[in-house]
């Protein structure tokens, strides 16, 4: 959960949330940043959130880009992937096709970043809809083992494992940080990671290699 902003963040990271349309990317992000549940489905074009969190005693500023999952916005993904430092790949446990789509997204990330060890967390959302499950846990976990990425089953509705997926991603980025030192982020400074942010935001608002499987 985001922390009070009474301490200066030592680092700023850019997270990109990717996945098929309707899997709950916006709901997960809104729960993490604002602790609120979005009841109605309104396809996202692009939303950017900023929030400060405490991870293992370190204050971290996160810029989280909630991206579109619909086909007409696929062309925008290259920019997101170039500027992102960590990626939350979301599917719905009620949809086999949404899981299959993650493979292409991961391939695109690795191609664009030219890095097979880029921080990634796989999230099977809608864990509260167990009676509608279409993706066996064993299948999703096998993919996470093959990719070397943590796997969580989460529910944006009940807030199960919502904090955990973002904190895990932060930890991965912090570990990478230790091997490539740079100046710390200071309030009011330009971003110190060299990525230049996510570019222009249509809806900039709402301030506010491991193998692991976490289920309900």
N, C-alpha and C. Protein backbone atom coordinates (compact mmCIF):
# COMPACT_ATOMS: atom_id res chain seq x y z
N UNK A 1 0.84 -1.19 0.00
CA UNK A 1 0.00 0.00 0.00
C UNK A 1 0.88 1.24 0.00
N UNK A 2 0.51 2.27 -0.73
CA UNK A 2 1.30 3.49 -0.75
C UNK A 2 1.53 4.03 0.65
N UNK A 3 2.71 4.64 0.86
CA UNK A 3 3.10 5.13 2.17
C UNK A 3 2.90 6.63 2.26
N UNK A 4 2.81 7.17 3.50
CA UNK A 4 2.71 8.62 3.66
C UNK A 4 3.93 9.31 3.06
N UNK A 5 3.73 10.50 2.50
CA UNK A 5 4.82 11.20 1.82
C UNK A 5 5.57 12.11 2.80
N UNK A 6 5.97 11.57 3.95
CA UNK A 6 6.71 12.37 4.91
C UNK A 6 8.20 12.12 4.83
N UNK A 7 8.62 11.31 3.88
CA UNK A 7 10.03 11.06 3.65
C UNK A 7 10.32 11.20 2.16
N UNK A 8 11.51 11.71 1.86
CA UNK A 8 11.90 11.86 0.47
C UNK A 8 12.17 10.49 -0.15
N UNK A 9 11.65 10.25 -1.36
CA UNK A 9 11.96 8.98 -2.03
C UNK A 9 13.42 8.93 -2.43
N UNK A 10 14.02 7.76 -2.33
CA UNK A 10 15.42 7.59 -2.72
C UNK A 10 15.54 7.18 -4.18
N UNK A 11 14.43 6.78 -4.78
CA UNK A 11 14.50 6.28 -6.16
C UNK A 11 13.14 6.44 -6.81
N UNK A 12 13.13 6.63 -8.12
CA UNK A 12 11.89 6.65 -8.89
C UNK A 12 11.95 5.55 -9.94
N UNK A 13 10.87 4.78 -10.05
CA UNK A 13 10.79 3.71 -11.02
C UNK A 13 9.52 3.86 -11.86
N UNK A 14 9.61 3.37 -13.09
CA UNK A 14 8.48 3.39 -14.02
C UNK A 14 7.98 1.96 -14.24
N UNK A 15 6.72 1.73 -13.89
CA UNK A 15 6.08 0.43 -14.04
C UNK A 15 5.04 0.52 -15.15
N UNK A 16 4.99 -0.48 -16.01
CA UNK A 16 3.98 -0.56 -17.07
C UNK A 16 3.11 -1.78 -16.81
N UNK A 17 1.80 -1.57 -16.79
CA UNK A 17 0.83 -2.65 -16.58
C UNK A 17 0.26 -3.03 -17.94
N UNK A 18 0.47 -4.29 -18.32
CA UNK A 18 0.09 -4.77 -19.65
C UNK A 18 -0.80 -6.00 -19.55
N UNK A 19 -1.63 -6.20 -20.57
CA UNK A 19 -2.48 -7.38 -20.63
C UNK A 19 -3.65 -7.13 -21.55
N UNK A 20 -4.42 -8.16 -21.80
CA UNK A 20 -5.58 -8.06 -22.69
C UNK A 20 -6.63 -7.12 -22.09
N UNK A 21 -7.54 -6.65 -22.93
CA UNK A 21 -8.63 -5.81 -22.46
C UNK A 21 -9.55 -6.58 -21.52
N UNK A 22 -9.99 -5.93 -20.46
CA UNK A 22 -10.97 -6.52 -19.56
C UNK A 22 -10.43 -7.44 -18.49
N UNK A 23 -9.10 -7.55 -18.36
CA UNK A 23 -8.54 -8.47 -17.35
C UNK A 23 -8.44 -7.81 -15.98
N UNK A 24 -8.62 -6.49 -15.90
CA UNK A 24 -8.61 -5.82 -14.60
C UNK A 24 -7.35 -5.03 -14.31
N UNK A 25 -6.66 -4.57 -15.34
CA UNK A 25 -5.43 -3.79 -15.13
C UNK A 25 -5.72 -2.50 -14.37
N UNK A 26 -6.75 -1.78 -14.80
CA UNK A 26 -7.10 -0.52 -14.14
C UNK A 26 -7.57 -0.76 -12.71
N UNK A 27 -8.31 -1.83 -12.50
CA UNK A 27 -8.81 -2.14 -11.15
C UNK A 27 -7.67 -2.45 -10.20
N UNK A 28 -6.70 -3.23 -10.65
CA UNK A 28 -5.53 -3.53 -9.82
C UNK A 28 -4.78 -2.26 -9.45
N UNK A 29 -4.56 -1.41 -10.45
CA UNK A 29 -3.79 -0.19 -10.22
C UNK A 29 -4.54 0.76 -9.29
N UNK A 30 -5.84 0.93 -9.50
CA UNK A 30 -6.63 1.82 -8.65
C UNK A 30 -6.68 1.31 -7.21
N UNK A 31 -6.76 0.00 -7.04
CA UNK A 31 -6.74 -0.55 -5.69
C UNK A 31 -5.41 -0.29 -5.01
N UNK A 32 -4.32 -0.45 -5.75
CA UNK A 32 -3.00 -0.24 -5.16
C UNK A 32 -2.78 1.22 -4.79
N UNK A 33 -3.12 2.12 -5.68
CA UNK A 33 -2.83 3.54 -5.47
C UNK A 33 -3.87 4.21 -4.56
N UNK A 34 -5.15 3.91 -4.79
CA UNK A 34 -6.22 4.64 -4.09
C UNK A 34 -7.05 3.78 -3.15
N UNK A 35 -6.78 2.48 -3.11
CA UNK A 35 -7.57 1.57 -2.27
C UNK A 35 -9.06 1.67 -2.62
N UNK A 36 -9.35 1.64 -3.93
CA UNK A 36 -10.73 1.73 -4.36
C UNK A 36 -11.01 0.71 -5.46
N UNK A 37 -12.25 0.25 -5.51
CA UNK A 37 -12.68 -0.74 -6.49
C UNK A 37 -13.48 -0.06 -7.59
N UNK A 38 -13.08 -0.30 -8.85
CA UNK A 38 -13.80 0.25 -10.00
C UNK A 38 -14.82 -0.79 -10.46
N UNK A 39 -16.09 -0.46 -10.32
CA UNK A 39 -17.14 -1.44 -10.60
C UNK A 39 -17.40 -1.62 -12.09
N UNK A 40 -17.47 -0.51 -12.83
CA UNK A 40 -17.83 -0.59 -14.24
C UNK A 40 -16.58 -0.70 -15.11
N UNK A 41 -16.72 -1.34 -16.26
CA UNK A 41 -15.60 -1.50 -17.20
C UNK A 41 -15.62 -0.38 -18.22
N UNK A 42 -14.57 0.42 -18.22
CA UNK A 42 -14.41 1.52 -19.18
C UNK A 42 -13.03 1.36 -19.80
N UNK A 43 -12.95 0.90 -21.05
CA UNK A 43 -11.63 0.62 -21.65
C UNK A 43 -10.68 1.81 -21.55
N UNK A 44 -9.50 1.54 -21.04
CA UNK A 44 -8.49 2.58 -20.83
C UNK A 44 -7.75 2.88 -22.12
N UNK A 45 -7.47 4.15 -22.38
CA UNK A 45 -6.53 4.52 -23.43
C UNK A 45 -5.14 4.60 -22.80
N UNK A 46 -5.01 5.41 -21.78
CA UNK A 46 -3.75 5.52 -21.06
C UNK A 46 -3.99 6.31 -19.79
N UNK A 47 -3.63 5.77 -18.65
CA UNK A 47 -3.70 6.48 -17.39
C UNK A 47 -2.35 6.39 -16.71
N UNK A 48 -1.92 7.48 -16.11
CA UNK A 48 -0.66 7.48 -15.39
C UNK A 48 -0.91 7.84 -13.93
N UNK A 49 -0.34 7.06 -13.04
CA UNK A 49 -0.47 7.27 -11.61
C UNK A 49 0.92 7.49 -11.01
N UNK A 50 0.98 8.34 -9.99
CA UNK A 50 2.22 8.49 -9.22
C UNK A 50 1.91 8.23 -7.76
N UNK A 51 2.73 7.42 -7.12
CA UNK A 51 2.53 7.13 -5.71
C UNK A 51 3.85 6.77 -5.07
N UNK A 52 3.96 7.05 -3.78
CA UNK A 52 5.18 6.74 -3.04
C UNK A 52 4.93 5.55 -2.14
N UNK A 53 5.85 4.60 -2.12
CA UNK A 53 5.71 3.39 -1.31
C UNK A 53 6.99 3.15 -0.53
N UNK A 54 6.85 2.40 0.57
CA UNK A 54 8.01 1.96 1.34
C UNK A 54 8.25 0.49 1.03
N UNK A 55 9.44 0.18 0.59
CA UNK A 55 9.80 -1.20 0.25
C UNK A 55 11.08 -1.56 0.99
N UNK A 56 10.96 -2.46 1.95
CA UNK A 56 12.13 -2.91 2.72
C UNK A 56 12.89 -1.73 3.32
N UNK A 57 12.14 -0.77 3.85
CA UNK A 57 12.76 0.36 4.51
C UNK A 57 13.19 1.49 3.60
N UNK A 58 12.98 1.35 2.30
CA UNK A 58 13.36 2.40 1.35
C UNK A 58 12.11 3.05 0.77
N UNK A 59 12.14 4.36 0.67
CA UNK A 59 11.04 5.09 0.06
C UNK A 59 11.25 5.15 -1.45
N UNK A 60 10.25 4.71 -2.18
CA UNK A 60 10.34 4.63 -3.64
C UNK A 60 9.16 5.37 -4.26
N UNK A 61 9.44 6.20 -5.24
CA UNK A 61 8.38 6.86 -6.01
C UNK A 61 8.10 6.02 -7.25
N UNK A 62 6.83 5.67 -7.44
CA UNK A 62 6.44 4.87 -8.60
C UNK A 62 5.61 5.71 -9.56
N UNK A 63 5.94 5.61 -10.82
CA UNK A 63 5.07 6.12 -11.88
C UNK A 63 4.54 4.88 -12.58
N UNK A 64 3.23 4.68 -12.49
CA UNK A 64 2.60 3.46 -12.99
C UNK A 64 1.76 3.82 -14.21
N UNK A 65 2.05 3.18 -15.32
CA UNK A 65 1.29 3.42 -16.55
C UNK A 65 0.33 2.27 -16.77
N UNK A 66 -0.95 2.58 -16.72
CA UNK A 66 -2.03 1.62 -16.97
C UNK A 66 -2.39 1.73 -18.44
N UNK A 67 -2.10 0.68 -19.20
CA UNK A 67 -2.21 0.76 -20.66
C UNK A 67 -3.48 0.13 -21.19
N UNK A 68 -3.76 0.43 -22.45
CA UNK A 68 -4.92 -0.13 -23.14
C UNK A 68 -4.66 -1.58 -23.51
N UNK A 69 -5.72 -2.37 -23.47
CA UNK A 69 -5.59 -3.75 -23.90
C UNK A 69 -6.26 -4.00 -25.23
N UNK A 70 -6.90 -2.96 -25.79
CA UNK A 70 -7.64 -3.14 -27.03
C UNK A 70 -6.74 -2.98 -28.25
N UNK A 71 -7.11 -3.61 -29.32
CA UNK A 71 -6.25 -3.72 -30.50
C UNK A 71 -5.87 -2.37 -31.10
N UNK A 72 -6.78 -1.39 -31.04
CA UNK A 72 -6.49 -0.12 -31.72
C UNK A 72 -5.37 0.66 -31.05
N UNK A 73 -4.96 0.25 -29.85
CA UNK A 73 -3.90 0.98 -29.15
C UNK A 73 -2.60 0.19 -29.07
N UNK A 74 -2.52 -0.93 -29.77
CA UNK A 74 -1.32 -1.76 -29.72
C UNK A 74 -0.09 -1.00 -30.19
N UNK A 75 -0.27 -0.10 -31.16
CA UNK A 75 0.88 0.63 -31.72
C UNK A 75 1.58 1.49 -30.67
N UNK A 76 0.90 1.82 -29.58
CA UNK A 76 1.49 2.66 -28.55
C UNK A 76 2.40 1.88 -27.61
N UNK A 77 2.36 0.55 -27.69
CA UNK A 77 3.08 -0.26 -26.70
C UNK A 77 4.59 -0.12 -26.78
N UNK A 78 5.12 0.05 -27.99
CA UNK A 78 6.58 0.15 -28.12
C UNK A 78 7.13 1.27 -27.25
N UNK A 79 6.46 2.41 -27.24
CA UNK A 79 6.91 3.53 -26.42
C UNK A 79 6.85 3.17 -24.94
N UNK A 80 5.75 2.55 -24.52
CA UNK A 80 5.62 2.15 -23.13
C UNK A 80 6.76 1.22 -22.73
N UNK A 81 7.05 0.26 -23.60
CA UNK A 81 8.06 -0.73 -23.27
C UNK A 81 9.46 -0.14 -23.24
N UNK A 82 9.72 0.83 -24.11
CA UNK A 82 11.03 1.48 -24.11
C UNK A 82 11.28 2.23 -22.81
N UNK A 83 10.26 2.88 -22.29
CA UNK A 83 10.44 3.73 -21.12
C UNK A 83 10.22 3.00 -19.80
N UNK A 84 9.53 1.87 -19.84
CA UNK A 84 9.26 1.13 -18.61
C UNK A 84 10.50 0.45 -18.06
N UNK A 85 10.55 0.32 -16.74
CA UNK A 85 11.65 -0.39 -16.07
C UNK A 85 11.20 -1.70 -15.45
N UNK A 86 9.92 -1.81 -15.15
CA UNK A 86 9.34 -3.03 -14.62
C UNK A 86 7.97 -3.23 -15.23
N UNK A 87 7.58 -4.49 -15.41
CA UNK A 87 6.34 -4.79 -16.15
C UNK A 87 5.46 -5.77 -15.37
N UNK A 88 4.21 -5.36 -15.16
CA UNK A 88 3.21 -6.23 -14.56
C UNK A 88 2.35 -6.79 -15.68
N UNK A 89 2.47 -8.10 -15.93
CA UNK A 89 1.72 -8.76 -17.00
C UNK A 89 0.49 -9.42 -16.38
N UNK A 90 -0.68 -8.92 -16.76
CA UNK A 90 -1.93 -9.32 -16.12
C UNK A 90 -2.79 -10.14 -17.07
N UNK A 91 -3.33 -11.25 -16.56
CA UNK A 91 -4.36 -11.99 -17.29
C UNK A 91 -5.49 -12.29 -16.32
N UNK A 92 -6.59 -12.80 -16.84
CA UNK A 92 -7.70 -13.20 -15.99
C UNK A 92 -7.71 -14.72 -15.88
N UNK A 93 -7.89 -15.23 -14.66
CA UNK A 93 -7.94 -16.69 -14.49
C UNK A 93 -9.17 -17.28 -15.16
N UNK A 94 -10.10 -16.42 -15.61
CA UNK A 94 -11.31 -16.90 -16.29
C UNK A 94 -11.15 -16.94 -17.81
N UNK A 95 -9.95 -16.61 -18.31
CA UNK A 95 -9.75 -16.50 -19.76
C UNK A 95 -8.41 -17.09 -20.20
N UNK A 96 -8.47 -18.20 -20.92
CA UNK A 96 -7.26 -18.81 -21.46
C UNK A 96 -6.58 -17.88 -22.46
N UNK A 97 -7.36 -17.20 -23.27
CA UNK A 97 -6.78 -16.35 -24.31
C UNK A 97 -5.99 -15.18 -23.71
N UNK A 98 -6.43 -14.68 -22.56
CA UNK A 98 -5.71 -13.57 -21.94
C UNK A 98 -4.34 -14.02 -21.42
N UNK A 99 -4.24 -15.28 -21.00
CA UNK A 99 -2.94 -15.82 -20.60
C UNK A 99 -2.05 -16.00 -21.82
N UNK A 100 -2.61 -16.52 -22.91
CA UNK A 100 -1.83 -16.74 -24.12
C UNK A 100 -1.26 -15.43 -24.66
N UNK A 101 -1.98 -14.33 -24.48
CA UNK A 101 -1.52 -13.04 -24.99
C UNK A 101 -0.25 -12.56 -24.29
N UNK A 102 -0.02 -13.01 -23.07
CA UNK A 102 1.15 -12.54 -22.32
C UNK A 102 2.46 -12.97 -22.97
N UNK A 103 2.46 -14.12 -23.65
CA UNK A 103 3.69 -14.60 -24.27
C UNK A 103 4.20 -13.60 -25.31
N UNK A 104 3.29 -13.08 -26.13
CA UNK A 104 3.69 -12.10 -27.15
C UNK A 104 4.16 -10.81 -26.49
N UNK A 105 3.47 -10.38 -25.43
CA UNK A 105 3.88 -9.17 -24.73
C UNK A 105 5.28 -9.32 -24.16
N UNK A 106 5.56 -10.46 -23.56
CA UNK A 106 6.89 -10.67 -22.99
C UNK A 106 7.95 -10.66 -24.08
N UNK A 107 7.67 -11.31 -25.20
CA UNK A 107 8.63 -11.32 -26.31
C UNK A 107 8.91 -9.90 -26.80
N UNK A 108 7.88 -9.08 -26.88
CA UNK A 108 8.06 -7.70 -27.32
C UNK A 108 8.90 -6.91 -26.32
N UNK A 109 8.65 -7.12 -25.03
CA UNK A 109 9.43 -6.43 -24.00
C UNK A 109 10.90 -6.79 -24.12
N UNK A 110 11.20 -8.08 -24.23
CA UNK A 110 12.59 -8.53 -24.31
C UNK A 110 13.26 -8.00 -25.57
N UNK A 111 12.51 -7.98 -26.68
CA UNK A 111 13.08 -7.47 -27.93
C UNK A 111 13.39 -5.98 -27.82
N UNK A 112 12.45 -5.22 -27.30
CA UNK A 112 12.63 -3.77 -27.22
C UNK A 112 13.68 -3.39 -26.18
N UNK A 113 13.66 -4.07 -25.04
CA UNK A 113 14.62 -3.75 -23.98
C UNK A 113 15.97 -4.41 -24.21
N UNK A 114 16.01 -5.41 -25.10
CA UNK A 114 17.22 -6.19 -25.34
C UNK A 114 17.78 -6.73 -24.02
N UNK A 115 16.88 -7.31 -23.23
CA UNK A 115 17.22 -7.76 -21.88
C UNK A 115 16.26 -8.88 -21.48
N UNK A 116 16.78 -10.09 -21.32
CA UNK A 116 15.93 -11.21 -20.94
C UNK A 116 15.64 -11.24 -19.44
N UNK A 117 16.30 -10.38 -18.68
CA UNK A 117 16.11 -10.38 -17.23
C UNK A 117 15.41 -9.11 -16.75
N UNK A 118 14.68 -8.48 -17.62
CA UNK A 118 13.93 -7.29 -17.24
C UNK A 118 12.93 -7.67 -16.14
N UNK A 119 12.74 -6.84 -15.11
CA UNK A 119 11.81 -7.16 -14.03
C UNK A 119 10.38 -7.35 -14.53
N UNK A 120 9.83 -8.52 -14.24
CA UNK A 120 8.47 -8.87 -14.65
C UNK A 120 7.79 -9.62 -13.51
N UNK A 121 6.51 -9.33 -13.30
CA UNK A 121 5.65 -10.12 -12.42
C UNK A 121 4.43 -10.53 -13.23
N UNK A 122 4.05 -11.80 -13.12
CA UNK A 122 2.84 -12.31 -13.78
C UNK A 122 1.72 -12.33 -12.75
N UNK A 123 0.56 -11.78 -13.12
CA UNK A 123 -0.57 -11.69 -12.19
C UNK A 123 -1.81 -12.31 -12.82
N UNK A 124 -2.33 -13.35 -12.19
CA UNK A 124 -3.61 -13.92 -12.58
C UNK A 124 -4.71 -13.24 -11.77
N UNK A 125 -5.40 -12.29 -12.39
CA UNK A 125 -6.42 -11.51 -11.68
C UNK A 125 -7.77 -12.24 -11.68
N UNK A 126 -8.69 -11.71 -10.89
CA UNK A 126 -10.06 -12.23 -10.73
C UNK A 126 -10.06 -13.56 -9.98
N UNK A 127 -9.16 -13.68 -8.99
CA UNK A 127 -9.10 -14.90 -8.20
C UNK A 127 -10.35 -15.11 -7.36
N UNK A 128 -11.17 -14.08 -7.22
CA UNK A 128 -12.44 -14.22 -6.51
C UNK A 128 -13.48 -14.97 -7.34
N UNK A 129 -13.20 -15.17 -8.63
CA UNK A 129 -14.14 -15.88 -9.52
C UNK A 129 -13.68 -17.31 -9.74
N UNK A 130 -13.39 -18.00 -8.66
CA UNK A 130 -12.85 -19.35 -8.74
C UNK A 130 -13.78 -20.30 -9.49
N UNK A 131 -15.09 -20.10 -9.34
CA UNK A 131 -16.04 -20.99 -10.01
C UNK A 131 -16.03 -20.80 -11.52
N UNK A 132 -15.46 -19.71 -12.00
CA UNK A 132 -15.35 -19.47 -13.44
C UNK A 132 -13.93 -19.70 -13.97
N UNK A 133 -13.08 -20.28 -13.15
CA UNK A 133 -11.68 -20.47 -13.53
C UNK A 133 -11.55 -21.26 -14.84
N UNK A 134 -10.74 -20.73 -15.75
CA UNK A 134 -10.44 -21.42 -17.01
C UNK A 134 -8.96 -21.74 -17.14
N UNK A 135 -8.13 -21.12 -16.30
CA UNK A 135 -6.68 -21.32 -16.35
C UNK A 135 -6.23 -22.06 -15.10
N UNK A 136 -5.80 -23.31 -15.22
CA UNK A 136 -5.31 -24.04 -14.05
C UNK A 136 -4.10 -23.35 -13.44
N UNK A 137 -4.01 -23.36 -12.12
CA UNK A 137 -2.84 -22.77 -11.46
C UNK A 137 -1.55 -23.40 -11.95
N UNK A 138 -1.60 -24.71 -12.17
CA UNK A 138 -0.38 -25.42 -12.58
C UNK A 138 0.12 -24.92 -13.93
N UNK A 139 -0.79 -24.57 -14.82
CA UNK A 139 -0.39 -24.07 -16.13
C UNK A 139 0.27 -22.71 -16.01
N UNK A 140 -0.34 -21.81 -15.24
CA UNK A 140 0.23 -20.47 -15.07
C UNK A 140 1.58 -20.55 -14.36
N UNK A 141 1.68 -21.42 -13.36
CA UNK A 141 2.93 -21.54 -12.62
C UNK A 141 4.03 -22.12 -13.50
N UNK A 142 3.67 -23.05 -14.37
CA UNK A 142 4.67 -23.62 -15.29
C UNK A 142 5.23 -22.53 -16.21
N UNK A 143 4.37 -21.64 -16.66
CA UNK A 143 4.84 -20.53 -17.50
C UNK A 143 5.77 -19.62 -16.70
N UNK A 144 5.41 -19.35 -15.44
CA UNK A 144 6.25 -18.48 -14.62
C UNK A 144 7.62 -19.10 -14.38
N UNK A 145 7.68 -20.42 -14.23
CA UNK A 145 8.96 -21.10 -14.07
C UNK A 145 9.79 -20.98 -15.34
N UNK A 146 9.13 -21.16 -16.47
CA UNK A 146 9.84 -21.09 -17.75
C UNK A 146 10.39 -19.68 -17.99
N UNK A 147 9.65 -18.68 -17.60
CA UNK A 147 10.08 -17.30 -17.81
C UNK A 147 10.97 -16.77 -16.69
N UNK A 148 11.02 -17.49 -15.56
CA UNK A 148 11.79 -17.01 -14.42
C UNK A 148 11.18 -15.78 -13.78
N UNK A 149 9.85 -15.71 -13.75
CA UNK A 149 9.14 -14.55 -13.21
C UNK A 149 8.17 -15.01 -12.12
N UNK A 150 8.02 -14.24 -11.05
CA UNK A 150 7.06 -14.59 -10.00
C UNK A 150 5.63 -14.60 -10.53
N UNK A 151 4.80 -15.48 -9.96
CA UNK A 151 3.40 -15.56 -10.34
C UNK A 151 2.54 -15.38 -9.10
N UNK A 152 1.57 -14.48 -9.19
CA UNK A 152 0.61 -14.25 -8.12
C UNK A 152 -0.80 -14.40 -8.67
N UNK A 153 -1.70 -14.95 -7.86
CA UNK A 153 -3.12 -14.88 -8.16
C UNK A 153 -3.70 -13.81 -7.26
N UNK A 154 -4.37 -12.85 -7.87
CA UNK A 154 -4.85 -11.67 -7.15
C UNK A 154 -6.32 -11.43 -7.44
N UNK A 155 -6.91 -10.60 -6.61
CA UNK A 155 -8.27 -10.14 -6.85
C UNK A 155 -8.32 -8.65 -6.57
N UNK A 156 -8.56 -7.88 -7.62
CA UNK A 156 -8.71 -6.44 -7.43
C UNK A 156 -9.97 -6.14 -6.61
N UNK A 157 -10.99 -6.98 -6.76
CA UNK A 157 -12.25 -6.75 -6.03
C UNK A 157 -12.05 -6.88 -4.52
N UNK A 158 -11.36 -7.94 -4.09
CA UNK A 158 -11.16 -8.19 -2.65
C UNK A 158 -9.82 -7.67 -2.15
N UNK A 159 -9.01 -7.14 -3.03
CA UNK A 159 -7.68 -6.58 -2.75
C UNK A 159 -6.65 -7.66 -2.39
N UNK A 160 -6.95 -8.90 -2.70
CA UNK A 160 -6.03 -9.99 -2.40
C UNK A 160 -4.78 -9.89 -3.27
N UNK A 161 -3.61 -9.86 -2.64
CA UNK A 161 -2.30 -9.84 -3.32
C UNK A 161 -2.08 -8.62 -4.22
N UNK A 162 -2.88 -7.58 -4.05
CA UNK A 162 -2.69 -6.38 -4.88
C UNK A 162 -1.38 -5.68 -4.53
N UNK A 163 -1.17 -5.42 -3.24
CA UNK A 163 0.09 -4.79 -2.83
C UNK A 163 1.28 -5.67 -3.19
N UNK A 164 1.10 -6.97 -3.01
CA UNK A 164 2.22 -7.90 -3.19
C UNK A 164 2.80 -7.88 -4.60
N UNK A 165 1.95 -7.76 -5.63
CA UNK A 165 2.49 -7.80 -7.00
C UNK A 165 3.33 -6.57 -7.29
N UNK A 166 2.89 -5.41 -6.80
CA UNK A 166 3.66 -4.19 -7.05
C UNK A 166 4.93 -4.14 -6.20
N UNK A 167 4.84 -4.60 -4.95
CA UNK A 167 6.02 -4.60 -4.09
C UNK A 167 7.07 -5.56 -4.62
N UNK A 168 6.65 -6.72 -5.11
CA UNK A 168 7.60 -7.67 -5.69
C UNK A 168 8.34 -7.03 -6.86
N UNK A 169 7.60 -6.34 -7.71
CA UNK A 169 8.21 -5.67 -8.86
C UNK A 169 9.20 -4.60 -8.39
N UNK A 170 8.83 -3.86 -7.35
CA UNK A 170 9.75 -2.85 -6.79
C UNK A 170 11.03 -3.51 -6.30
N UNK A 171 10.91 -4.63 -5.62
CA UNK A 171 12.10 -5.31 -5.11
C UNK A 171 13.02 -5.73 -6.25
N UNK A 172 12.44 -6.22 -7.32
CA UNK A 172 13.26 -6.61 -8.47
C UNK A 172 14.02 -5.41 -9.03
N UNK A 173 13.34 -4.28 -9.15
CA UNK A 173 13.99 -3.09 -9.70
C UNK A 173 15.05 -2.55 -8.75
N UNK A 174 14.80 -2.63 -7.45
CA UNK A 174 15.80 -2.20 -6.48
C UNK A 174 17.04 -3.08 -6.53
N UNK A 175 16.84 -4.39 -6.71
CA UNK A 175 17.99 -5.29 -6.82
C UNK A 175 18.84 -4.94 -8.03
N UNK A 176 18.19 -4.64 -9.14
CA UNK A 176 18.94 -4.24 -10.34
C UNK A 176 19.67 -2.93 -10.10
N UNK A 177 19.03 -2.06 -9.34
CA UNK A 177 19.64 -0.77 -9.02
C UNK A 177 20.98 -0.92 -8.32
N UNK A 178 21.08 -1.92 -7.45
CA UNK A 178 22.29 -2.11 -6.67
C UNK A 178 23.49 -2.43 -7.55
N UNK A 179 23.23 -3.01 -8.71
CA UNK A 179 24.34 -3.36 -9.60
C UNK A 179 24.65 -2.25 -10.61
N UNK A 180 23.84 -1.18 -10.61
CA UNK A 180 24.12 -0.04 -11.50
C UNK A 180 23.83 1.25 -10.75
N UNK A 181 24.75 1.67 -9.87
CA UNK A 181 24.53 2.85 -9.03
C UNK A 181 24.35 4.12 -9.86
N UNK A 182 23.55 5.02 -9.34
CA UNK A 182 23.36 6.33 -9.96
C UNK A 182 22.86 7.28 -8.90
N UNK A 183 22.69 8.52 -9.27
CA UNK A 183 22.22 9.52 -8.31
C UNK A 183 20.82 9.19 -7.85
N UNK A 184 20.53 9.48 -6.60
CA UNK A 184 19.19 9.23 -6.07
C UNK A 184 18.23 10.29 -6.57
N UNK A 185 16.95 9.94 -6.59
CA UNK A 185 15.91 10.88 -7.02
C UNK A 185 15.62 11.87 -5.90
N UNK A 186 15.54 13.13 -6.24
CA UNK A 186 15.19 14.16 -5.27
C UNK A 186 13.95 14.89 -5.76
N UNK A 187 13.12 15.27 -4.82
CA UNK A 187 11.87 15.95 -5.16
C UNK A 187 12.16 17.23 -5.94
N UNK A 188 11.51 17.36 -7.10
CA UNK A 188 11.71 18.53 -7.93
C UNK A 188 12.79 18.37 -8.96
N UNK A 189 13.61 17.31 -8.87
CA UNK A 189 14.66 17.08 -9.85
C UNK A 189 14.09 16.42 -11.08
N UNK A 190 14.88 16.43 -12.16
CA UNK A 190 14.53 15.63 -13.32
C UNK A 190 14.71 14.16 -12.96
N UNK A 191 14.04 13.29 -13.69
CA UNK A 191 14.18 11.86 -13.43
C UNK A 191 15.62 11.44 -13.65
N UNK A 192 16.10 10.57 -12.75
CA UNK A 192 17.51 10.21 -12.78
C UNK A 192 17.78 8.90 -13.49
N UNK A 193 16.73 8.27 -14.03
CA UNK A 193 16.96 6.97 -14.65
C UNK A 193 17.28 7.09 -16.13
N UNK A 194 17.17 8.27 -16.69
CA UNK A 194 17.54 8.48 -18.08
C UNK A 194 16.48 8.11 -19.08
N UNK A 195 15.32 7.64 -18.61
CA UNK A 195 14.30 7.20 -19.56
C UNK A 195 13.44 8.35 -20.06
N UNK A 196 13.41 9.43 -19.29
CA UNK A 196 12.60 10.58 -19.72
C UNK A 196 11.13 10.41 -19.48
N UNK A 197 10.73 9.45 -18.69
CA UNK A 197 9.32 9.26 -18.37
C UNK A 197 8.58 8.56 -19.48
N UNK A 198 7.26 8.59 -19.39
CA UNK A 198 6.42 7.87 -20.33
C UNK A 198 5.96 8.74 -21.49
N UNK A 199 6.50 9.94 -21.62
CA UNK A 199 6.05 10.81 -22.69
C UNK A 199 4.75 11.49 -22.31
N UNK A 200 4.06 12.05 -23.30
CA UNK A 200 2.83 12.77 -23.01
C UNK A 200 1.77 11.81 -22.54
N UNK A 201 0.92 12.27 -21.62
CA UNK A 201 -0.10 11.42 -21.04
C UNK A 201 -1.47 11.98 -21.39
N UNK A 202 -2.30 11.16 -21.93
CA UNK A 202 -3.64 11.61 -22.27
C UNK A 202 -4.46 11.83 -21.02
N UNK A 203 -4.22 11.04 -19.97
CA UNK A 203 -4.97 11.16 -18.74
C UNK A 203 -4.03 11.14 -17.55
N UNK A 204 -3.03 11.99 -17.53
CA UNK A 204 -2.11 12.04 -16.39
C UNK A 204 -2.88 12.56 -15.19
N UNK A 205 -3.00 11.73 -14.15
CA UNK A 205 -3.85 12.08 -13.03
C UNK A 205 -3.62 11.11 -11.89
N UNK A 206 -4.47 11.20 -10.87
CA UNK A 206 -4.53 10.23 -9.79
C UNK A 206 -3.20 10.10 -9.07
N UNK A 207 -2.71 11.20 -8.49
CA UNK A 207 -1.46 11.12 -7.77
C UNK A 207 -1.66 10.22 -6.56
N UNK A 208 -1.48 10.19 -6.11
CA UNK A 208 -1.63 9.34 -4.98
C UNK A 208 -0.26 8.68 -4.60
N UNK A 209 16.55 -13.51 -11.21
CA UNK A 209 15.45 -14.09 -11.91
C UNK A 209 14.94 -15.12 -10.95
N UNK A 210 13.74 -14.98 -10.47
CA UNK A 210 13.06 -15.60 -9.38
C UNK A 210 11.98 -16.54 -9.89
N UNK A 211 11.61 -17.54 -9.13
CA UNK A 211 10.42 -18.32 -9.46
C UNK A 211 9.60 -18.44 -8.20
N UNK A 212 8.39 -17.93 -8.25
CA UNK A 212 7.58 -17.93 -7.05
C UNK A 212 6.13 -17.97 -7.47
N UNK A 213 5.32 -18.65 -6.68
CA UNK A 213 3.89 -18.72 -6.96
C UNK A 213 3.15 -18.36 -5.68
N UNK A 214 2.28 -17.39 -5.74
CA UNK A 214 1.49 -16.99 -4.58
C UNK A 214 0.03 -17.07 -4.98
N UNK A 215 -0.74 -17.88 -4.23
CA UNK A 215 -2.16 -18.03 -4.53
C UNK A 215 -2.97 -17.71 -3.28
N UNK A 216 -4.25 -17.80 -3.39
CA UNK A 216 -5.13 -17.47 -2.26
C UNK A 216 -4.97 -18.48 -1.14
